[in-house]
């Protein structure tokens, strides 16, 4: 089963991502679980407790702790993590995680 983390400070965007994941799960009969996080600190707190995800969907522009900062911290926990970004800060993210950009 695929485990997905979605991190965005914008509640509407979190809701949109959840709707897209659920739509895909239903239409493809795809087995996955997801967790949502309103900020990077909450996501990293879960990682510190040992939880791992296969895919991290990170908002780049978040107050206090950007998606790029979160991606760097994730890399410390998981060298094979994949990240999807809603914004294109290409060079910084690519150096941090294997990044796939969603426009």
C-alpha atoms as a PDB file:
ATOM      1  CA  UNK A   1       0.000   0.000   0.000  1.00  0.00           C
ATOM      2  CA  UNK A   2       1.177   3.482  -0.887  1.00  0.00           C
ATOM      3  CA  UNK A   3       1.428   6.059   1.938  1.00  0.00           C
ATOM      4  CA  UNK A   4       1.107   9.728   0.980  1.00  0.00           C
ATOM      5  CA  UNK A   5       1.775  12.834   3.081  1.00  0.00           C
ATOM      6  CA  UNK A   6       0.153  16.106   1.995  1.00  0.00           C
ATOM      7  CA  UNK A   7       1.472  19.287   3.610  1.00  0.00           C
ATOM      8  CA  UNK A   8       0.002  22.733   2.899  1.00  0.00           C
ATOM      9  CA  UNK A   9      -0.844  25.702   5.092  1.00  0.00           C
ATOM     10  CA  UNK A  10      -3.821  26.538   2.854  1.00  0.00           C
ATOM     11  CA  UNK A  11      -6.806  24.460   4.002  1.00  0.00           C
ATOM     12  CA  UNK A  12      -8.515  24.799   0.609  1.00  0.00           C
ATOM     13  CA  UNK A  13      -5.469  23.363  -1.145  1.00  0.00           C
ATOM     14  CA  UNK A  14      -5.310  20.495   1.355  1.00  0.00           C
ATOM     15  CA  UNK A  15      -8.950  19.789   0.604  1.00  0.00           C
ATOM     16  CA  UNK A  16      -8.291  19.877  -3.158  1.00  0.00           C
ATOM     17  CA  UNK A  17      -5.422  17.409  -2.822  1.00  0.00           C
ATOM     18  CA  UNK A  18      -7.544  15.056  -0.708  1.00  0.00           C
ATOM     19  CA  UNK A  19     -10.335  15.217  -3.290  1.00  0.00           C
ATOM     20  CA  UNK A  20      -7.883  14.396  -6.088  1.00  0.00           C
ATOM     21  CA  UNK A  21      -6.384  11.493  -4.163  1.00  0.00           C
ATOM     22  CA  UNK A  22      -9.833  10.117  -3.345  1.00  0.00           C
ATOM     23  CA  UNK A  23     -10.997  10.515  -6.933  1.00  0.00           C
ATOM     24  CA  UNK A  24      -7.961   8.607  -8.173  1.00  0.00           C
ATOM     25  CA  UNK A  25      -8.360   5.899  -5.524  1.00  0.00           C
ATOM     26  CA  UNK A  26     -11.983   5.383  -6.488  1.00  0.00           C
ATOM     27  CA  UNK A  27     -11.591   5.522 -10.253  1.00  0.00           C
ATOM     28  CA  UNK A  28      -8.583   3.193 -10.337  1.00  0.00           C
ATOM     29  CA  UNK A  29      -9.529   1.008  -7.353  1.00  0.00           C
ATOM     30  CA  UNK A  30      -6.149   2.054  -5.984  1.00  0.00           C
ATOM     31  CA  UNK A  31      -5.117   1.126  -2.455  1.00  0.00           C
ATOM     32  CA  UNK A  32      -3.384   3.971  -0.621  1.00  0.00           C
ATOM     33  CA  UNK A  33      -3.506   5.900   2.618  1.00  0.00           C
ATOM     34  CA  UNK A  34      -2.830   9.575   3.106  1.00  0.00           C
ATOM     35  CA  UNK A  35      -2.231  11.943   5.975  1.00  0.00           C
ATOM     36  CA  UNK A  36      -2.638  15.699   5.853  1.00  0.00           C
ATOM     37  CA  UNK A  37      -0.533  18.275   7.660  1.00  0.00           C
ATOM     38  CA  UNK A  38      -1.246  22.021   7.930  1.00  0.00           C
ATOM     39  CA  UNK A  39       2.454  22.805   8.360  1.00  0.00           C
ATOM     40  CA  UNK A  40       5.886  21.256   8.070  1.00  0.00           C
ATOM     41  CA  UNK A  41       6.432  21.086  11.817  1.00  0.00           C
ATOM     42  CA  UNK A  42       3.515  18.666  12.235  1.00  0.00           C
ATOM     43  CA  UNK A  43       4.778  16.482   9.394  1.00  0.00           C
ATOM     44  CA  UNK A  44       8.303  16.348  10.805  1.00  0.00           C
ATOM     45  CA  UNK A  45       6.943  15.540  14.249  1.00  0.00           C
ATOM     46  CA  UNK A  46       5.288  12.422  12.831  1.00  0.00           C
ATOM     47  CA  UNK A  47       8.501  11.460  11.014  1.00  0.00           C
ATOM     48  CA  UNK A  48      10.479  11.812  14.221  1.00  0.00           C
ATOM     49  CA  UNK A  49       8.163   9.199  15.751  1.00  0.00           C
ATOM     50  CA  UNK A  50       9.094   6.754  12.994  1.00  0.00           C
ATOM     51  CA  UNK A  51       6.284   7.139  10.458  1.00  0.00           C
ATOM     52  CA  UNK A  52       7.375   7.082   6.809  1.00  0.00           C
ATOM     53  CA  UNK A  53       5.579   7.955   3.598  1.00  0.00           C
ATOM     54  CA  UNK A  54       6.230   6.907   0.026  1.00  0.00           C
ATOM     55  CA  UNK A  55       5.245  10.267  -1.456  1.00  0.00           C
ATOM     56  CA  UNK A  56       5.397  13.746   0.073  1.00  0.00           C
ATOM     57  CA  UNK A  57       3.225  16.463  -1.487  1.00  0.00           C
ATOM     58  CA  UNK A  58       4.658  19.703  -0.167  1.00  0.00           C
ATOM     59  CA  UNK A  59       3.570  23.288  -0.564  1.00  0.00           C
ATOM     60  CA  UNK A  60       6.695  25.361  -1.092  1.00  0.00           C
ATOM     61  CA  UNK A  61       5.595  28.708   0.297  1.00  0.00           C
ATOM     62  CA  UNK A  62       4.539  28.210   3.908  1.00  0.00           C
ATOM     63  CA  UNK A  63       5.176  30.616   6.768  1.00  0.00           C
ATOM     64  CA  UNK A  64       8.070  29.866   9.077  1.00  0.00           C
ATOM     65  CA  UNK A  65       9.168  26.564   7.580  1.00  0.00           C
ATOM     66  CA  UNK A  66       9.016  26.377   3.785  1.00  0.00           C
ATOM     67  CA  UNK A  67       8.426  23.252   1.762  1.00  0.00           C
ATOM     68  CA  UNK A  68      12.082  23.349   0.773  1.00  0.00           C
ATOM     69  CA  UNK A  69      13.073  23.330   4.448  1.00  0.00           C
ATOM     70  CA  UNK A  70      10.698  20.430   5.074  1.00  0.00           C
ATOM     71  CA  UNK A  71      12.114  18.536   2.085  1.00  0.00           C
ATOM     72  CA  UNK A  72      15.643  18.911   3.459  1.00  0.00           C
ATOM     73  CA  UNK A  73      14.544  17.535   6.812  1.00  0.00           C
ATOM     74  CA  UNK A  74      12.669  14.657   5.160  1.00  0.00           C
ATOM     75  CA  UNK A  75      15.840  13.751   3.286  1.00  0.00           C
ATOM     76  CA  UNK A  76      17.598  13.340   6.655  1.00  0.00           C
ATOM     77  CA  UNK A  77      15.001  10.699   7.601  1.00  0.00           C
ATOM     78  CA  UNK A  78      14.565   9.034   4.222  1.00  0.00           C
ATOM     79  CA  UNK A  79      17.120   9.097   1.407  1.00  0.00           C
ATOM     80  CA  UNK A  80      14.705   7.530  -1.115  1.00  0.00           C
ATOM     81  CA  UNK A  81      11.732   9.847  -0.573  1.00  0.00           C
ATOM     82  CA  UNK A  82       9.884  11.350  -3.532  1.00  0.00           C
ATOM     83  CA  UNK A  83       8.463  14.847  -3.350  1.00  0.00           C
ATOM     84  CA  UNK A  84       5.816  16.571  -5.440  1.00  0.00           C
ATOM     85  CA  UNK A  85       5.693  20.328  -5.327  1.00  0.00           C
ATOM     86  CA  UNK A  86       2.969  22.816  -6.165  1.00  0.00           C
ATOM     87  CA  UNK A  87       5.494  25.497  -6.988  1.00  0.00           C
ATOM     88  CA  UNK A  88       8.656  25.560  -9.041  1.00  0.00           C
ATOM     89  CA  UNK A  89      11.674  26.323  -6.889  1.00  0.00           C
ATOM     90  CA  UNK A  90      13.507  23.870  -9.106  1.00  0.00           C
ATOM     91  CA  UNK A  91      17.162  24.046  -8.128  1.00  0.00           C
ATOM     92  CA  UNK A  92      16.677  24.151  -4.362  1.00  0.00           C
ATOM     93  CA  UNK A  93      14.216  21.288  -4.211  1.00  0.00           C
ATOM     94  CA  UNK A  94      16.003  19.106  -6.737  1.00  0.00           C
ATOM     95  CA  UNK A  95      19.150  19.198  -4.637  1.00  0.00           C
ATOM     96  CA  UNK A  96      17.089  18.210  -1.613  1.00  0.00           C
ATOM     97  CA  UNK A  97      14.755  15.473  -2.860  1.00  0.00           C
ATOM     98  CA  UNK A  98      14.025  13.629  -6.045  1.00  0.00           C
ATOM     99  CA  UNK A  99      11.383  16.125  -7.122  1.00  0.00           C
ATOM    100  CA  UNK A 100       8.475  15.894  -9.510  1.00  0.00           C
ATOM    101  CA  UNK A 101       6.652  19.129 -10.134  1.00  0.00           C
ATOM    102  CA  UNK A 102       2.894  19.454 -10.492  1.00  0.00           C
ATOM    103  CA  UNK A 103       1.842  22.599 -12.285  1.00  0.00           C
END
